[in-house]
Amino acid sequence: MRAGYRHIDTASYYRNEAGVGAAVRSCGLARNDIWITSKLPLGADDADDVRRAIDATVDALGTHVDLYLIHWPMPRRGRYPRTWQALQAAQADGRLAEIGVSNFHRAQLDRILADGSPPPTVNQIEAHPHFADNTLRHYCAERTIAVAAWSPLGAGSVLHDPAIQAMARELDRTRAQIVLRWHPQRGDIVLPKASSPHRIHQNAAMFDFTLDPRQVARIDHLDRGEAARPSRRCLTSGGQ
């Protein structure tokens, strides 16, 4: 918060919602100045599960959640359409302000939108210069679904790309700042992770410069279609 961050992304699965809530209460900022995203526990897929999960998240945070996501579609279970209906019901009841999904492919989005339901506010997906996932991004853009990029640095692998290293030298910026700046310039919400205060402050200093169109194109051309977290992506495969 002292570095300027105002969006906290957490989840039941991360087991840190209580810590996030304590930090928000103690940071000295008004609650409305902070945006908290959390996610449904894995395997919670019916209306009762969703109600209990929302209550548990609110209790742990000690405050409301601004955006609540289905963490994984769990396609082998095939129950995510009814989970989405349960989230919509919770939103209609005023329990949730904004709802969305995470790690949903196009076919899975098609299923939850098939009955004419309003689209998710957000689809949170792995995205970085080596895995741009532009087909899914364009699909989401056509349906006014914002894309939030997790693992925006490709679990660190992108930082070793010679093109990123060269651009960092040219602009006198860190490699992470170059990549993190690319994300919002192409229209994505970016969710960086850092473990040290120094890196947290460095990453936050990404808004006082801009990549020119030529530099954005150079990074665009690094796409290899290579996910940095294939073990996680496999949880979203294997069916619809």
C-alpha atoms as a PDB file:
ATOM      1  CA  MET A   1       0.000   0.000   0.000  1.00  0.00           C
ATOM      2  CA  ARG A   2       2.861   2.394   0.790  1.00  0.00           C
ATOM      3  CA  ALA A   3       4.247   1.680  -2.684  1.00  0.00           C
ATOM      4  CA  GLY A   4       0.963   2.753  -4.263  1.00  0.00           C
ATOM      5  CA  TYR A   5      -0.759  -0.560  -4.903  1.00  0.00           C
ATOM      6  CA  ARG A   6      -4.541  -0.424  -4.624  1.00  0.00           C
ATOM      7  CA  HIS A   7      -5.615  -3.819  -6.005  1.00  0.00           C
ATOM      8  CA  ILE A   8      -5.100  -6.918  -3.857  1.00  0.00           C
ATOM      9  CA  ASP A   9      -5.679 -10.303  -5.492  1.00  0.00           C
ATOM     10  CA  THR A  10      -6.265 -13.144  -3.053  1.00  0.00           C
ATOM     11  CA  ALA A  11      -8.188 -16.438  -2.871  1.00  0.00           C
ATOM     12  CA  SER A  12      -9.452 -19.002  -0.425  1.00  0.00           C
ATOM     13  CA  TYR A  13      -6.881 -21.395  -1.922  1.00  0.00           C
ATOM     14  CA  TYR A  14      -4.010 -19.041  -1.011  1.00  0.00           C
ATOM     15  CA  ARG A  15      -4.941 -19.146   2.701  1.00  0.00           C
ATOM     16  CA  ASN A  16      -4.030 -15.500   3.193  1.00  0.00           C
ATOM     17  CA  GLU A  17      -7.400 -13.725   3.176  1.00  0.00           C
ATOM     18  CA  ALA A  18      -7.153 -12.964   6.911  1.00  0.00           C
ATOM     19  CA  GLY A  19      -3.713 -11.417   6.427  1.00  0.00           C
ATOM     20  CA  VAL A  20      -4.963  -9.343   3.516  1.00  0.00           C
ATOM     21  CA  GLY A  21      -7.872  -8.080   5.622  1.00  0.00           C
ATOM     22  CA  ALA A  22      -5.582  -7.150   8.513  1.00  0.00           C
ATOM     23  CA  ALA A  23      -3.272  -5.248   6.163  1.00  0.00           C
ATOM     24  CA  VAL A  24      -6.168  -3.352   4.580  1.00  0.00           C
ATOM     25  CA  ARG A  25      -7.516  -2.331   7.976  1.00  0.00           C
ATOM     26  CA  SER A  26      -4.129  -1.134   9.204  1.00  0.00           C
ATOM     27  CA  CYS A  27      -2.861   0.690   6.110  1.00  0.00           C
ATOM     28  CA  GLY A  28      -4.597   3.988   6.841  1.00  0.00           C
ATOM     29  CA  LEU A  29      -6.468   4.153   3.525  1.00  0.00           C
ATOM     30  CA  ALA A  30     -10.212   4.369   3.092  1.00  0.00           C
ATOM     31  CA  ARG A  31     -11.703   0.990   2.219  1.00  0.00           C
ATOM     32  CA  ASN A  32     -13.255   2.411  -0.954  1.00  0.00           C
ATOM     33  CA  ASP A  33      -9.767   3.327  -2.189  1.00  0.00           C
ATOM     34  CA  ILE A  34      -8.772  -0.355  -2.253  1.00  0.00           C
ATOM     35  CA  TRP A  35     -10.027  -3.087  -4.574  1.00  0.00           C
ATOM     36  CA  ILE A  36     -10.005  -6.667  -3.274  1.00  0.00           C
ATOM     37  CA  THR A  37     -10.428  -9.654  -5.579  1.00  0.00           C
ATOM     38  CA  SER A  38     -10.926 -13.113  -4.096  1.00  0.00           C
ATOM     39  CA  LYS A  39     -11.895 -16.503  -5.477  1.00  0.00           C
ATOM     40  CA  LEU A  40     -14.180 -19.409  -4.765  1.00  0.00           C
ATOM     41  CA  PRO A  41     -12.615 -22.505  -3.154  1.00  0.00           C
ATOM     42  CA  LEU A  42     -11.860 -25.368  -5.531  1.00  0.00           C
ATOM     43  CA  GLY A  43     -14.728 -27.830  -5.675  1.00  0.00           C
ATOM     44  CA  ALA A  44     -17.347 -25.424  -4.324  1.00  0.00           C
ATOM     45  CA  ASP A  45     -19.916 -25.573  -7.090  1.00  0.00           C
ATOM     46  CA  ASP A  46     -23.512 -25.339  -5.896  1.00  0.00           C
ATOM     47  CA  ALA A  47     -25.563 -22.540  -4.350  1.00  0.00           C
ATOM     48  CA  ASP A  48     -24.999 -23.645  -0.748  1.00  0.00           C
ATOM     49  CA  ASP A  49     -21.256 -23.995  -1.339  1.00  0.00           C
ATOM     50  CA  VAL A  50     -21.122 -20.512  -2.842  1.00  0.00           C
ATOM     51  CA  ARG A  51     -23.041 -18.926   0.056  1.00  0.00           C
ATOM     52  CA  ARG A  52     -20.776 -20.560   2.623  1.00  0.00           C
ATOM     53  CA  ALA A  53     -17.649 -19.599   0.683  1.00  0.00           C
ATOM     54  CA  ILE A  54     -18.686 -15.953   0.414  1.00  0.00           C
ATOM     55  CA  ASP A  55     -19.415 -15.853   4.151  1.00  0.00           C
ATOM     56  CA  ALA A  56     -16.022 -17.420   4.918  1.00  0.00           C
ATOM     57  CA  THR A  57     -14.178 -14.933   2.699  1.00  0.00           C
ATOM     58  CA  VAL A  58     -15.982 -11.920   4.175  1.00  0.00           C
ATOM     59  CA  ASP A  59     -15.334 -13.206   7.709  1.00  0.00           C
ATOM     60  CA  ALA A  60     -11.646 -13.777   6.964  1.00  0.00           C
ATOM     61  CA  LEU A  61     -11.174 -10.404   5.287  1.00  0.00           C
ATOM     62  CA  GLY A  62     -13.258  -8.560   7.847  1.00  0.00           C
ATOM     63  CA  THR A  63     -14.704  -6.542   4.973  1.00  0.00           C
ATOM     64  CA  HIS A  64     -16.579  -6.951   1.712  1.00  0.00           C
ATOM     65  CA  VAL A  65     -14.993  -8.326  -1.441  1.00  0.00           C
ATOM     66  CA  ASP A  66     -15.151  -6.143  -4.562  1.00  0.00           C
ATOM     67  CA  LEU A  67     -14.745  -8.912  -7.147  1.00  0.00           C
ATOM     68  CA  TYR A  68     -15.332 -12.627  -6.647  1.00  0.00           C
ATOM     69  CA  LEU A  69     -14.183 -15.220  -9.179  1.00  0.00           C
ATOM     70  CA  ILE A  70     -14.660 -18.891  -9.952  1.00  0.00           C
ATOM     71  CA  HIS A  71     -11.028 -19.895  -9.408  1.00  0.00           C
ATOM     72  CA  TRP A  72     -10.959 -22.863 -11.817  1.00  0.00           C
ATOM     73  CA  PRO A  73     -13.689 -24.269 -14.068  1.00  0.00           C
ATOM     74  CA  MET A  74     -12.787 -27.835 -13.023  1.00  0.00           C
ATOM     75  CA  PRO A  75     -14.046 -29.142 -16.402  1.00  0.00           C
ATOM     76  CA  ARG A  76     -13.904 -32.816 -15.471  1.00  0.00           C
ATOM     77  CA  ARG A  77     -16.603 -32.123 -12.878  1.00  0.00           C
ATOM     78  CA  GLY A  78     -18.549 -30.105 -15.461  1.00  0.00           C
ATOM     79  CA  ARG A  79     -20.466 -28.140 -12.851  1.00  0.00           C
ATOM     80  CA  TYR A  80     -19.166 -24.632 -13.469  1.00  0.00           C
ATOM     81  CA  PRO A  81     -22.336 -23.444 -15.330  1.00  0.00           C
ATOM     82  CA  ARG A  82     -24.398 -23.942 -12.168  1.00  0.00           C
ATOM     83  CA  THR A  83     -21.605 -22.349 -10.120  1.00  0.00           C
ATOM     84  CA  TRP A  84     -21.836 -19.304 -12.363  1.00  0.00           C
ATOM     85  CA  GLN A  85     -25.596 -19.228 -11.833  1.00  0.00           C
ATOM     86  CA  ALA A  86     -25.010 -19.307  -8.065  1.00  0.00           C
ATOM     87  CA  LEU A  87     -22.623 -16.353  -8.318  1.00  0.00           C
ATOM     88  CA  GLN A  88     -25.193 -14.436 -10.352  1.00  0.00           C
ATOM     89  CA  ALA A  89     -27.804 -15.121  -7.685  1.00  0.00           C
ATOM     90  CA  ALA A  90     -25.421 -13.865  -4.976  1.00  0.00           C
ATOM     91  CA  GLN A  91     -24.833 -10.718  -7.009  1.00  0.00           C
ATOM     92  CA  ALA A  92     -28.570 -10.188  -7.488  1.00  0.00           C
ATOM     93  CA  ASP A  93     -29.046 -10.535  -3.708  1.00  0.00           C
ATOM     94  CA  GLY A  94     -26.446  -7.836  -3.102  1.00  0.00           C
ATOM     95  CA  ARG A  95     -23.903 -10.197  -1.557  1.00  0.00           C
ATOM     96  CA  LEU A  96     -21.371  -9.534  -4.329  1.00  0.00           C
ATOM     97  CA  ALA A  97     -20.691  -6.370  -6.313  1.00  0.00           C
ATOM     98  CA  GLU A  98     -18.782  -7.817  -9.272  1.00  0.00           C
ATOM     99  CA  ILE A  99     -18.340 -11.436 -10.359  1.00  0.00           C
ATOM    100  CA  GLY A 100     -16.012 -13.120 -12.806  1.00  0.00           C
ATOM    101  CA  VAL A 101     -14.024 -16.206 -13.667  1.00  0.00           C
ATOM    102  CA  SER A 102     -10.442 -17.381 -13.785  1.00  0.00           C
ATOM    103  CA  ASN A 103      -8.700 -19.800 -16.149  1.00  0.00           C
ATOM    104  CA  PHE A 104     -11.722 -20.162 -18.422  1.00  0.00           C
ATOM    105  CA  HIS A 105     -11.208 -21.128 -22.055  1.00  0.00           C
ATOM    106  CA  ARG A 106     -13.471 -20.004 -24.893  1.00  0.00           C
ATOM    107  CA  ALA A 107     -15.623 -23.164 -24.836  1.00  0.00           C
ATOM    108  CA  GLN A 108     -16.182 -22.768 -21.109  1.00  0.00           C
ATOM    109  CA  LEU A 109     -17.137 -19.119 -21.503  1.00  0.00           C
ATOM    110  CA  ASP A 110     -19.516 -20.121 -24.299  1.00  0.00           C
ATOM    111  CA  ARG A 111     -21.284 -22.531 -21.936  1.00  0.00           C
ATOM    112  CA  ILE A 112     -21.920 -20.003 -19.185  1.00  0.00           C
ATOM    113  CA  LEU A 113     -23.076 -17.392 -21.707  1.00  0.00           C
ATOM    114  CA  ALA A 114     -25.306 -19.787 -23.677  1.00  0.00           C
ATOM    115  CA  ASP A 115     -28.455 -18.893 -21.711  1.00  0.00           C
ATOM    116  CA  GLY A 116     -27.991 -15.177 -22.315  1.00  0.00           C
ATOM    117  CA  SER A 117     -26.360 -14.510 -18.962  1.00  0.00           C
ATOM    118  CA  PRO A 118     -24.415 -11.250 -18.597  1.00  0.00           C
ATOM    119  CA  PRO A 119     -20.703 -11.840 -19.199  1.00  0.00           C
ATOM    120  CA  PRO A 120     -18.202 -12.101 -16.350  1.00  0.00           C
ATOM    121  CA  THR A 121     -16.589  -8.810 -15.387  1.00  0.00           C
ATOM    122  CA  VAL A 122     -13.140 -10.429 -15.614  1.00  0.00           C
ATOM    123  CA  ASN A 123     -11.444 -13.569 -16.876  1.00  0.00           C
ATOM    124  CA  GLN A 124      -8.150 -13.977 -15.030  1.00  0.00           C
ATOM    125  CA  ILE A 125      -5.716 -16.012 -17.149  1.00  0.00           C
ATOM    126  CA  GLU A 126      -2.026 -16.719 -17.543  1.00  0.00           C
ATOM    127  CA  ALA A 127      -0.622 -14.149 -19.963  1.00  0.00           C
ATOM    128  CA  HIS A 128       2.861 -12.820 -20.671  1.00  0.00           C
ATOM    129  CA  PRO A 129       5.043 -12.075 -23.715  1.00  0.00           C
ATOM    130  CA  HIS A 130       5.852 -15.770 -24.280  1.00  0.00           C
ATOM    131  CA  PHE A 131       2.179 -16.727 -23.915  1.00  0.00           C
ATOM    132  CA  ALA A 132       0.063 -13.847 -25.182  1.00  0.00           C
ATOM    133  CA  ASP A 133      -3.127 -15.932 -25.649  1.00  0.00           C
ATOM    134  CA  ASN A 134      -4.448 -13.334 -28.090  1.00  0.00           C
ATOM    135  CA  THR A 135      -7.282 -15.481 -29.454  1.00  0.00           C
ATOM    136  CA  LEU A 136      -8.844 -15.756 -26.005  1.00  0.00           C
ATOM    137  CA  ARG A 137      -8.126 -12.083 -25.259  1.00  0.00           C
ATOM    138  CA  HIS A 138      -9.897 -10.990 -28.438  1.00  0.00           C
ATOM    139  CA  TYR A 139     -12.865 -13.245 -27.635  1.00  0.00           C
ATOM    140  CA  CYS A 140     -13.119 -11.622 -24.201  1.00  0.00           C
ATOM    141  CA  ALA A 141     -12.783  -8.100 -25.616  1.00  0.00           C
ATOM    142  CA  GLU A 142     -15.680  -8.734 -28.016  1.00  0.00           C
ATOM    143  CA  ARG A 143     -17.847  -9.612 -25.008  1.00  0.00           C
ATOM    144  CA  THR A 144     -16.622  -6.771 -22.752  1.00  0.00           C
ATOM    145  CA  ILE A 145     -14.863  -9.237 -20.449  1.00  0.00           C
ATOM    146  CA  ALA A 146     -11.739  -7.643 -18.980  1.00  0.00           C
ATOM    147  CA  VAL A 147      -8.596  -9.797 -18.994  1.00  0.00           C
ATOM    148  CA  ALA A 148      -6.406  -9.926 -15.894  1.00  0.00           C
ATOM    149  CA  ALA A 149      -2.961 -11.453 -16.410  1.00  0.00           C
ATOM    150  CA  TRP A 150      -1.583 -13.756 -13.749  1.00  0.00           C
ATOM    151  CA  SER A 151       2.075 -14.793 -13.987  1.00  0.00           C
ATOM    152  CA  PRO A 152       2.665 -11.640 -16.089  1.00  0.00           C
ATOM    153  CA  LEU A 153       6.425 -12.245 -16.052  1.00  0.00           C
ATOM    154  CA  GLY A 154       6.093 -15.864 -17.126  1.00  0.00           C
ATOM    155  CA  ALA A 155       7.249 -17.086 -13.698  1.00  0.00           C
ATOM    156  CA  GLY A 156      10.424 -15.064 -14.349  1.00  0.00           C
ATOM    157  CA  SER A 157      11.325 -16.764 -17.622  1.00  0.00           C
ATOM    158  CA  VAL A 158      10.458 -13.704 -19.717  1.00  0.00           C
ATOM    159  CA  LEU A 159      13.044 -11.641 -17.847  1.00  0.00           C
ATOM    160  CA  HIS A 160      15.807 -13.697 -19.459  1.00  0.00           C
ATOM    161  CA  ASP A 161      14.626 -13.005 -22.998  1.00  0.00           C
ATOM    162  CA  PRO A 162      17.401 -11.116 -24.880  1.00  0.00           C
ATOM    163  CA  ALA A 163      14.864  -8.712 -26.392  1.00  0.00           C
ATOM    164  CA  ILE A 164      13.548  -7.735 -22.961  1.00  0.00           C
ATOM    165  CA  GLN A 165      17.067  -7.345 -21.618  1.00  0.00           C
ATOM    166  CA  ALA A 166      18.034  -5.110 -24.549  1.00  0.00           C
ATOM    167  CA  MET A 167      14.952  -2.929 -24.152  1.00  0.00           C
ATOM    168  CA  ALA A 168      15.609  -2.540 -20.422  1.00  0.00           C
ATOM    169  CA  ARG A 169      19.089  -1.235 -21.210  1.00  0.00           C
ATOM    170  CA  GLU A 170      17.740   1.123 -23.889  1.00  0.00           C
ATOM    171  CA  LEU A 171      15.145   2.650 -21.571  1.00  0.00           C
ATOM    172  CA  ASP A 172      17.165   2.411 -18.352  1.00  0.00           C
ATOM    173  CA  ARG A 173      14.388   0.414 -16.716  1.00  0.00           C
ATOM    174  CA  THR A 174      14.248  -2.943 -14.998  1.00  0.00           C
ATOM    175  CA  ARG A 175      13.285  -5.934 -17.111  1.00  0.00           C
ATOM    176  CA  ALA A 176      10.180  -6.433 -14.985  1.00  0.00           C
ATOM    177  CA  GLN A 177       9.092  -2.821 -15.504  1.00  0.00           C
ATOM    178  CA  ILE A 178       9.334  -3.272 -19.281  1.00  0.00           C
ATOM    179  CA  VAL A 179       7.120  -6.354 -19.257  1.00  0.00           C
ATOM    180  CA  LEU A 180       4.648  -5.017 -16.706  1.00  0.00           C
ATOM    181  CA  ARG A 181       4.239  -1.797 -18.718  1.00  0.00           C
ATOM    182  CA  TRP A 182       3.439  -3.834 -21.841  1.00  0.00           C
ATOM    183  CA  HIS A 183       0.410  -5.470 -20.213  1.00  0.00           C
ATOM    184  CA  PRO A 184      -1.779  -2.397 -19.542  1.00  0.00           C
ATOM    185  CA  GLN A 185      -0.701  -0.821 -22.823  1.00  0.00           C
ATOM    186  CA  ARG A 186      -2.275  -3.760 -24.634  1.00  0.00           C
ATOM    187  CA  GLY A 187      -5.370  -3.480 -22.460  1.00  0.00           C
ATOM    188  CA  ASP A 188      -4.859  -6.077 -19.711  1.00  0.00           C
ATOM    189  CA  ILE A 189      -5.053  -5.785 -15.937  1.00  0.00           C
ATOM    190  CA  VAL A 190      -1.681  -6.883 -14.593  1.00  0.00           C
ATOM    191  CA  LEU A 191      -1.190  -8.874 -11.372  1.00  0.00           C
ATOM    192  CA  PRO A 192       2.524  -8.829 -10.481  1.00  0.00           C
ATOM    193  CA  LYS A 193       3.919 -10.864  -7.638  1.00  0.00           C
ATOM    194  CA  ALA A 194       7.021  -9.891  -5.671  1.00  0.00           C
ATOM    195  CA  SER A 195       8.419 -11.071  -2.363  1.00  0.00           C
ATOM    196  CA  SER A 196      10.731  -8.181  -1.424  1.00  0.00           C
ATOM    197  CA  PRO A 197       9.811  -4.547  -0.632  1.00  0.00           C
ATOM    198  CA  HIS A 198      12.489  -3.403  -3.096  1.00  0.00           C
ATOM    199  CA  ARG A 199      10.920  -5.305  -5.998  1.00  0.00           C
ATOM    200  CA  ILE A 200       7.435  -4.237  -4.949  1.00  0.00           C
ATOM    201  CA  HIS A 201       8.485  -0.588  -5.183  1.00  0.00           C
ATOM    202  CA  GLN A 202      10.327  -1.182  -8.461  1.00  0.00           C
ATOM    203  CA  ASN A 203       7.300  -2.825 -10.040  1.00  0.00           C
ATOM    204  CA  ALA A 204       5.049   0.022  -8.909  1.00  0.00           C
ATOM    205  CA  ALA A 205       7.262   2.493 -10.781  1.00  0.00           C
ATOM    206  CA  MET A 206       5.925   1.299 -14.133  1.00  0.00           C
ATOM    207  CA  PHE A 207       3.521   4.157 -14.725  1.00  0.00           C
ATOM    208  CA  ASP A 208       5.968   7.034 -15.245  1.00  0.00           C
ATOM    209  CA  PHE A 209       7.049   5.897 -18.712  1.00  0.00           C
ATOM    210  CA  THR A 210       5.402   4.554 -21.850  1.00  0.00           C
ATOM    211  CA  LEU A 211       6.502   2.067 -24.480  1.00  0.00           C
ATOM    212  CA  ASP A 212       6.223   3.428 -27.992  1.00  0.00           C
ATOM    213  CA  PRO A 213       4.333   1.408 -30.651  1.00  0.00           C
ATOM    214  CA  ARG A 214       7.568  -0.008 -32.054  1.00  0.00           C
ATOM    215  CA  GLN A 215       8.611  -1.295 -28.631  1.00  0.00           C
ATOM    216  CA  VAL A 216       5.169  -2.785 -27.962  1.00  0.00           C
ATOM    217  CA  ALA A 217       5.376  -4.583 -31.322  1.00  0.00           C
ATOM    218  CA  ARG A 218       8.813  -5.972 -30.456  1.00  0.00           C
ATOM    219  CA  ILE A 219       7.381  -7.520 -27.308  1.00  0.00           C
ATOM    220  CA  ASP A 220       4.281  -8.742 -29.150  1.00  0.00           C
ATOM    221  CA  HIS A 221       6.552 -10.717 -31.472  1.00  0.00           C
ATOM    222  CA  LEU A 222       7.998 -12.704 -28.547  1.00  0.00           C
ATOM    223  CA  ASP A 223       4.852 -14.833 -28.310  1.00  0.00           C
ATOM    224  CA  ARG A 224       5.760 -18.546 -28.461  1.00  0.00           C
ATOM    225  CA  GLY A 225       2.487 -19.972 -27.218  1.00  0.00           C
ATOM    226  CA  GLU A 226       4.405 -21.371 -24.229  1.00  0.00           C
ATOM    227  CA  ALA A 227       2.646 -21.398 -20.861  1.00  0.00           C
ATOM    228  CA  ALA A 228       4.991 -20.963 -17.925  1.00  0.00           C
ATOM    229  CA  ARG A 229       2.680 -22.968 -15.646  1.00  0.00           C
ATOM    230  CA  PRO A 230       1.611 -26.023 -17.677  1.00  0.00           C
ATOM    231  CA  SER A 231       0.821 -27.988 -14.527  1.00  0.00           C
ATOM    232  CA  ARG A 232      -1.787 -25.379 -13.606  1.00  0.00           C
ATOM    233  CA  ARG A 233      -3.178 -25.064 -17.103  1.00  0.00           C
ATOM    234  CA  CYS A 234      -3.850 -28.798 -17.213  1.00  0.00           C
ATOM    235  CA  LEU A 235      -6.504 -28.268 -14.521  1.00  0.00           C
ATOM    236  CA  THR A 236      -8.541 -26.344 -17.078  1.00  0.00           C
ATOM    237  CA  SER A 237      -8.137 -28.892 -19.874  1.00  0.00           C
ATOM    238  CA  GLY A 238      -9.700 -32.291 -20.395  1.00  0.00           C
ATOM    239  CA  GLY A 239     -13.195 -31.320 -21.474  1.00  0.00           C
ATOM    240  CA  GLN A 240     -15.747 -28.563 -21.431  1.00  0.00           C
END
